Amino acid sequence: MDQTMIFLVLLVCSHALAAIHHPHLRSLGDAPKPAKAPPTILPDIRSSVDSGVVARFLVDRQRCVSIMKERAPGLALQLASDVNNAVKYDATTYSEILVALIRVEDTTLGAQFGADPASAPVSTDGMMVFVGLPVVSAASEPIILQLAAFTNETRPLMIPYYTNYRTVTRIDSIAMNSESDLVKVFTLLNSGDRMELRIERPAECPDDPTVGHDFDKAIGAHLRVTNYPETFDWGCDAYSFTFCNAMEAVNGENVKALIAGNVCTTMTTSKSVRCPASVTIGDISGGFLQAVPVQTGLASWEAEMISREHSTGIIFPCMKKRKSRQMTLDELWG
């Protein structure tokens, strides 16, 4: 090969490498990448009435980081405490989880099975304990990652703001004892495992904008919740729910998002009363201790009594994947 031919080969290779790292030098005939379609939103599919208590607990930040990475390793998520300037605790040491004891009533299903609710294949009204990790998506949307959920209902409890109803664990019992008119202790039992929630409420519960604002800053006003990476499942394959009609138009790429679990519920609120309360974790052992990253005697950072009415829909995909970093030439060639 003569020197002229060697020069031409080197010139072509150098232009090819330049085109890889400088898009403006690529062929004008290259087709641009198609823009990604915006998320699909199906609003107000189900409605519910919720009453009970929601509490924020401060826990070790690194523990929360580990949980987030384990649950969603490929997603661009951050702990809510890392990006929320409104927190008033040391976010370099702590993050937070939510623990809620709620009586939830799915009024959409209640209307469907209203004539004979006892014969319904599912529970449309029941008590549950919810544990969640507040995170923020790449689009700066607050999202709650469900960590655990417990109920003593014998039939599947249909919780509207979950994206997979099968993730709710049935336990043996949820019992209540009164220390006074304003202090109640709820005890969860399951095969010898135990968890206690000591709840103190005010004598009166007028709506308090301050506590509502604090929670909205921490977890979002629209309460986006996901059971990621579990596949989306509202029971439409197993039961004939009327709200399943809204899902019939979902097809194509949208189905992939639902199967991948990249879906969040999103809520609008038509009625709301929220006032301050306090919650303390009593005895906790066994499976409860594994599912709830707290220790005995931990008191809530902030808690609220709630009585709220929601309309719930879904949005998908609701979380972005982490971008892969392009390697440099030095890294490529070692």
Protein backbone atom coordinates (compact mmCIF):
# COMPACT_ATOMS: atom_id res chain seq x y z
CA MET A 1 0.00 0.00 0.00
CA ASP A 2 1.57 3.33 -1.07
CA GLN A 3 1.74 6.41 1.15
CA THR A 4 -1.19 8.11 -0.66
CA MET A 5 -3.50 5.18 0.06
CA ILE A 6 -2.41 5.03 3.74
CA PHE A 7 -3.12 8.75 4.09
CA LEU A 8 -6.63 8.36 2.63
CA VAL A 9 -7.45 5.47 4.99
CA LEU A 10 -6.30 7.46 8.03
CA LEU A 11 -8.31 10.48 6.85
CA VAL A 12 -11.52 8.45 6.53
CA CYS A 13 -11.04 6.87 9.99
CA SER A 14 -10.40 10.23 11.63
CA HIS A 15 -13.59 11.67 10.12
CA ALA A 16 -15.56 8.63 11.30
CA LEU A 17 -14.33 9.04 14.87
CA ALA A 18 -15.06 12.73 14.78
CA ALA A 19 -18.60 12.08 13.60
CA ILE A 20 -19.20 9.75 16.56
CA HIS A 21 -18.36 12.47 19.08
CA HIS A 22 -19.54 15.50 17.07
CA PRO A 23 -23.13 15.03 15.87
CA HIS A 24 -22.93 18.10 13.60
CA LEU A 25 -20.30 16.30 11.50
CA ARG A 26 -22.57 13.31 10.82
CA SER A 27 -24.10 12.77 7.42
CA LEU A 28 -26.93 15.15 6.64
CA GLY A 29 -28.92 12.11 5.56
CA ASP A 30 -29.01 10.63 9.11
CA ALA A 31 -32.60 10.50 10.34
CA PRO A 32 -33.22 12.31 13.65
CA LYS A 33 -34.31 10.22 16.60
CA PRO A 34 -38.07 10.24 17.03
CA ALA A 35 -39.29 12.26 20.01
CA LYS A 36 -40.52 10.17 22.90
CA ALA A 37 -44.25 10.20 23.40
CA PRO A 38 -45.48 11.98 26.54
CA PRO A 39 -46.75 9.85 29.43
CA THR A 40 -50.28 8.51 29.18
CA ILE A 41 -52.67 9.69 31.89
CA LEU A 42 -55.96 8.00 32.65
CA PRO A 43 -57.51 10.24 35.33
CA ASP A 44 -60.27 9.65 37.87
CA ILE A 45 -60.84 5.95 37.25
CA ARG A 46 -61.60 5.07 40.87
CA SER A 47 -62.73 6.96 43.96
CA SER A 48 -62.11 6.35 47.65
CA VAL A 49 -62.65 7.62 51.17
CA ASP A 50 -59.68 7.41 53.55
CA SER A 51 -59.45 8.06 57.29
CA GLY A 52 -56.71 7.44 59.82
CA VAL A 53 -53.18 8.65 60.50
CA VAL A 54 -50.08 9.20 58.35
CA ALA A 55 -46.67 9.63 60.01
CA ARG A 56 -43.19 10.65 58.87
CA PHE A 57 -40.32 8.86 60.60
CA LEU A 58 -36.65 9.83 60.35
CA VAL A 59 -34.37 6.90 59.60
CA ASP A 60 -30.76 6.45 58.54
CA ARG A 61 -30.21 8.07 55.15
CA GLN A 62 -27.87 5.34 53.88
CA ARG A 63 -30.48 2.72 54.71
CA CYS A 64 -32.98 4.59 52.54
CA VAL A 65 -30.44 4.93 49.73
CA SER A 66 -29.89 1.17 49.81
CA ILE A 67 -33.62 0.48 49.73
CA MET A 68 -34.15 2.84 46.79
CA LYS A 69 -31.31 1.33 44.77
CA GLU A 70 -32.47 -2.19 45.52
CA ARG A 71 -36.06 -1.45 44.49
CA ALA A 72 -35.31 0.68 41.42
CA PRO A 73 -31.68 0.20 40.34
CA GLY A 74 -32.18 1.40 36.77
CA LEU A 75 -34.35 4.43 37.46
CA ALA A 76 -33.30 8.06 37.85
CA LEU A 77 -34.67 8.60 41.35
CA GLN A 78 -33.50 10.63 44.33
CA LEU A 79 -34.55 10.57 47.95
CA ALA A 80 -37.14 13.28 48.56
CA SER A 81 -35.11 14.54 51.53
CA ASP A 82 -32.11 15.15 49.24
CA VAL A 83 -33.97 17.60 47.00
CA ASN A 84 -36.59 19.02 49.36
CA ASN A 85 -35.39 22.34 50.72
CA ALA A 86 -38.33 22.45 53.12
CA VAL A 87 -37.07 19.65 55.40
CA LYS A 88 -36.02 20.86 58.84
CA TYR A 89 -33.75 17.98 59.81
CA ASP A 90 -30.21 16.96 58.92
CA ALA A 91 -30.70 15.42 55.47
CA THR A 92 -27.05 14.35 55.30
CA THR A 93 -27.72 11.93 58.15
CA TYR A 94 -31.45 11.18 57.89
CA SER A 95 -34.10 10.53 55.33
CA GLU A 96 -37.70 9.58 55.98
CA ILE A 97 -40.27 6.88 55.50
CA LEU A 98 -44.04 7.03 55.78
CA VAL A 99 -46.10 4.75 57.98
CA ALA A 100 -49.87 5.06 57.68
CA LEU A 101 -52.73 3.30 59.43
CA ILE A 102 -55.76 3.91 57.24
CA ARG A 103 -59.29 2.67 56.79
CA VAL A 104 -59.73 2.77 53.04
CA GLU A 105 -63.04 2.43 51.20
CA ASP A 106 -63.07 2.03 47.43
CA THR A 107 -66.37 3.77 46.68
CA THR A 108 -66.25 2.81 42.99
CA LEU A 109 -66.26 -0.87 43.86
CA GLY A 110 -68.63 -0.17 46.73
CA ALA A 111 -71.15 1.12 44.21
CA GLN A 112 -70.64 -1.93 41.98
CA PHE A 113 -71.13 -4.45 44.79
CA GLY A 114 -73.41 -2.28 46.94
CA ALA A 115 -76.42 -4.55 46.69
CA ASP A 116 -74.59 -7.42 48.41
CA PRO A 117 -71.06 -6.42 49.54
CA ALA A 118 -70.64 -9.62 51.60
CA SER A 119 -70.79 -11.71 48.43
CA ALA A 120 -68.20 -9.61 46.58
CA PRO A 121 -65.01 -11.49 45.68
CA VAL A 122 -62.86 -8.71 47.21
CA SER A 123 -62.94 -6.35 50.19
CA THR A 124 -63.92 -2.83 49.20
CA ASP A 125 -63.54 -1.43 52.73
CA GLY A 126 -60.90 -2.35 55.29
CA MET A 127 -58.03 -1.42 57.59
CA MET A 128 -54.47 -1.42 56.35
CA VAL A 129 -50.98 -0.31 57.38
CA PHE A 130 -48.89 1.19 54.61
CA VAL A 131 -45.11 1.77 54.56
CA GLY A 132 -43.58 3.92 51.83
CA LEU A 133 -40.35 5.68 50.84
CA PRO A 134 -40.74 9.22 49.42
CA VAL A 135 -38.58 9.75 46.33
CA VAL A 136 -38.42 12.25 43.48
CA SER A 137 -38.34 11.34 39.79
CA ALA A 138 -36.08 12.86 37.12
CA ALA A 139 -39.03 15.07 36.20
CA SER A 140 -39.07 16.44 39.78
CA GLU A 141 -42.30 14.61 40.58
CA PRO A 142 -42.72 13.31 44.16
CA ILE A 143 -43.43 9.57 44.18
CA ILE A 144 -43.96 7.11 47.02
CA LEU A 145 -42.31 3.70 46.59
CA GLN A 146 -44.39 1.16 48.46
CA LEU A 147 -42.23 -0.88 50.82
CA ALA A 148 -44.94 -2.91 52.54
CA ALA A 149 -48.68 -3.08 53.18
CA PHE A 150 -50.60 -5.17 55.70
CA THR A 151 -54.28 -5.91 56.21
CA ASN A 152 -56.34 -8.34 58.25
CA GLU A 153 -59.06 -8.60 55.61
CA THR A 154 -59.70 -12.19 54.55
CA ARG A 155 -60.53 -11.21 50.97
CA PRO A 156 -58.14 -9.18 48.77
CA LEU A 157 -58.30 -5.54 49.88
CA MET A 158 -58.57 -3.33 46.83
CA ILE A 159 -56.55 -0.20 47.61
CA PRO A 160 -57.08 2.33 44.78
CA TYR A 161 -53.71 4.04 45.07
CA TYR A 162 -51.62 0.87 44.68
CA THR A 163 -50.47 -0.26 41.24
CA ASN A 164 -50.54 -3.95 42.18
CA TYR A 165 -53.20 -5.19 44.59
CA ARG A 166 -51.32 -8.47 45.12
CA THR A 167 -48.57 -6.69 47.08
CA VAL A 168 -50.81 -6.30 50.13
CA THR A 169 -49.91 -8.90 52.78
CA ARG A 170 -52.71 -10.47 54.79
CA ILE A 171 -51.84 -10.79 58.50
CA ASP A 172 -53.61 -12.51 61.36
CA SER A 173 -55.06 -9.47 63.10
CA ILE A 174 -55.07 -5.72 63.69
CA ALA A 175 -56.37 -5.03 67.21
CA MET A 176 -57.04 -1.72 68.96
CA ASN A 177 -56.75 -0.89 72.66
CA SER A 178 -57.60 2.47 74.24
CA GLU A 179 -55.28 4.09 76.74
CA SER A 180 -57.63 7.06 76.84
CA ASP A 181 -60.14 8.81 74.61
CA LEU A 182 -57.25 10.40 72.71
CA VAL A 183 -54.63 7.63 72.76
CA LYS A 184 -55.10 4.34 70.91
CA VAL A 185 -52.66 1.45 70.47
CA PHE A 186 -53.00 -0.67 67.35
CA THR A 187 -51.28 -4.06 67.42
CA LEU A 188 -50.49 -6.02 64.26
CA LEU A 189 -49.94 -9.76 64.76
CA ASN A 190 -48.84 -12.38 62.26
CA SER A 191 -47.53 -15.85 63.15
CA GLY A 192 -45.96 -14.58 66.35
CA ASP A 193 -44.52 -11.42 64.77
CA ARG A 194 -45.68 -8.16 66.29
CA MET A 195 -45.85 -4.44 65.54
CA GLU A 196 -47.43 -1.73 67.68
CA LEU A 197 -48.49 1.77 66.67
CA ARG A 198 -49.32 4.15 69.52
CA ILE A 199 -51.40 7.01 68.13
CA GLU A 200 -52.25 10.20 69.99
CA ARG A 201 -54.79 12.51 68.41
CA PRO A 202 -56.13 15.94 69.39
CA ALA A 203 -59.47 16.38 71.11
CA GLU A 204 -60.73 18.21 68.04
CA CYS A 205 -59.46 17.95 64.48
CA PRO A 206 -60.14 21.11 62.47
CA ASP A 207 -58.34 21.31 59.15
CA ASP A 208 -54.81 22.61 59.70
CA PRO A 209 -53.21 24.12 56.54
CA THR A 210 -49.75 24.02 58.12
CA VAL A 211 -49.53 20.25 58.58
CA GLY A 212 -51.16 19.71 55.20
CA HIS A 213 -48.57 21.96 53.54
CA ASP A 214 -45.70 20.10 55.26
CA PHE A 215 -46.91 16.72 54.03
CA ASP A 216 -47.59 18.00 50.51
CA LYS A 217 -44.02 19.31 50.34
CA ALA A 218 -42.68 15.97 51.56
CA ILE A 219 -44.78 13.53 49.54
CA GLY A 220 -46.57 15.61 46.90
CA ALA A 221 -50.09 16.98 46.72
CA HIS A 222 -51.20 14.46 44.08
CA LEU A 223 -49.91 11.42 45.97
CA ARG A 224 -48.24 9.44 43.24
CA VAL A 225 -47.66 5.87 44.43
CA THR A 226 -45.99 2.92 42.71
CA ASN A 227 -45.36 -0.75 43.44
CA TYR A 228 -42.45 -0.75 40.98
CA PRO A 229 -41.00 -3.11 39.82
CA GLU A 230 -44.20 -5.16 40.15
CA THR A 231 -46.31 -5.43 37.00
CA PHE A 232 -49.38 -3.19 37.01
CA ASP A 233 -52.34 -5.21 38.31
CA TRP A 234 -55.65 -3.73 39.38
CA GLY A 235 -57.36 -7.12 39.27
CA CYS A 236 -58.84 -6.68 35.81
CA ASP A 237 -57.67 -10.13 34.67
CA ALA A 238 -59.14 -11.81 37.72
CA TYR A 239 -62.34 -9.84 38.35
CA SER A 240 -65.05 -8.05 36.36
CA PHE A 241 -64.64 -4.54 37.75
CA THR A 242 -66.49 -1.76 35.97
CA PHE A 243 -63.48 0.57 36.11
CA CYS A 244 -61.54 -1.94 33.96
CA ASN A 245 -63.36 -0.55 30.92
CA ALA A 246 -61.07 2.47 31.11
CA MET A 247 -58.08 0.18 30.52
CA GLU A 248 -59.34 -1.29 27.24
CA ALA A 249 -57.80 1.49 25.13
CA VAL A 250 -54.30 0.81 26.48
CA ASN A 251 -52.17 -0.92 23.85
CA GLY A 252 -48.86 -0.88 22.01
CA GLU A 253 -45.93 0.73 23.80
CA ASN A 254 -48.15 1.63 26.74
CA VAL A 255 -48.65 -2.03 27.54
CA LYS A 256 -44.87 -2.43 27.87
CA ALA A 257 -44.79 0.29 30.54
CA LEU A 258 -47.55 -1.43 32.50
CA ILE A 259 -45.88 -4.83 32.28
CA ALA A 260 -42.56 -3.29 33.36
CA GLY A 261 -44.29 -1.74 36.37
CA ASN A 262 -43.35 1.79 35.30
CA VAL A 263 -46.71 3.19 36.35
CA CYS A 264 -47.91 5.40 39.19
CA THR A 265 -51.32 6.13 40.58
CA THR A 266 -52.11 9.83 40.83
CA MET A 267 -54.86 11.36 42.93
CA THR A 268 -57.02 14.44 43.03
CA THR A 269 -58.67 15.39 46.30
CA SER A 270 -62.26 16.57 46.54
CA LYS A 271 -62.54 16.75 50.35
CA SER A 272 -59.84 16.94 52.99
CA VAL A 273 -59.47 17.43 56.75
CA ARG A 274 -55.96 17.17 58.20
CA CYS A 275 -54.72 17.98 61.70
CA PRO A 276 -51.56 17.23 63.77
CA ALA A 277 -51.11 13.96 65.63
CA SER A 278 -48.23 11.84 66.95
CA VAL A 279 -47.29 8.20 66.38
CA THR A 280 -44.77 6.03 68.22
CA ILE A 281 -43.53 2.62 67.13
CA GLY A 282 -44.02 0.12 69.95
CA ASP A 283 -42.78 -3.46 69.86
CA ILE A 284 -41.72 -4.55 66.38
CA SER A 285 -40.31 -7.96 65.48
CA GLY A 286 -39.91 -10.64 62.84
CA GLY A 287 -41.31 -9.94 59.39
CA PHE A 288 -42.52 -6.50 60.41
CA LEU A 289 -39.01 -5.47 61.43
CA GLN A 290 -37.66 -6.67 58.07
CA ALA A 291 -40.32 -4.73 56.13
CA VAL A 292 -40.34 -1.51 58.17
CA PRO A 293 -36.90 0.13 58.63
CA VAL A 294 -37.58 1.52 62.13
CA GLN A 295 -36.80 0.53 65.69
CA THR A 296 -38.86 0.17 68.84
CA GLY A 297 -39.59 3.45 70.59
CA LEU A 298 -39.14 5.64 67.50
CA ALA A 299 -41.46 8.67 67.57
CA SER A 300 -42.79 10.34 64.43
CA TRP A 301 -41.08 13.46 63.12
CA GLU A 302 -44.51 14.68 62.05
CA ALA A 303 -47.92 13.03 61.83
CA GLU A 304 -51.42 13.95 60.71
CA MET A 305 -54.92 12.65 61.25
CA ILE A 306 -56.75 12.61 57.95
CA SER A 307 -60.25 12.31 56.54
CA ARG A 308 -60.06 12.63 52.77
CA GLU A 309 -61.89 11.79 49.56
CA HIS A 310 -59.87 11.03 46.44
CA SER A 311 -60.29 10.29 42.77
CA THR A 312 -57.50 8.06 41.49
CA GLY A 313 -56.09 7.51 38.01
CA ILE A 314 -52.83 6.22 36.58
CA ILE A 315 -49.89 7.73 34.70
CA PHE A 316 -47.36 5.70 32.72
CA PRO A 317 -44.50 5.64 32.21
CA CYS A 318 -44.01 7.80 35.29
CA MET A 319 -40.27 7.29 35.90
CA LYS A 320 -37.28 7.74 33.63
CA LYS A 321 -34.40 5.32 33.27
CA ARG A 322 -30.91 6.44 34.16
CA LYS A 323 -28.92 7.70 31.17
CA SER A 324 -25.90 5.63 30.23
CA ARG A 325 -22.67 7.62 30.08
CA GLN A 326 -20.71 7.65 26.83
CA MET A 327 -17.19 6.31 27.20
CA THR A 328 -14.23 8.49 26.26
CA LEU A 329 -11.69 7.30 23.68
CA ASP A 330 -9.15 6.75 26.47
CA GLU A 331 -11.60 4.49 28.32
CA LEU A 332 -12.58 2.71 25.10
CA TRP A 333 -9.03 1.85 24.15
CA GLY A 334 -7.83 1.26 27.73
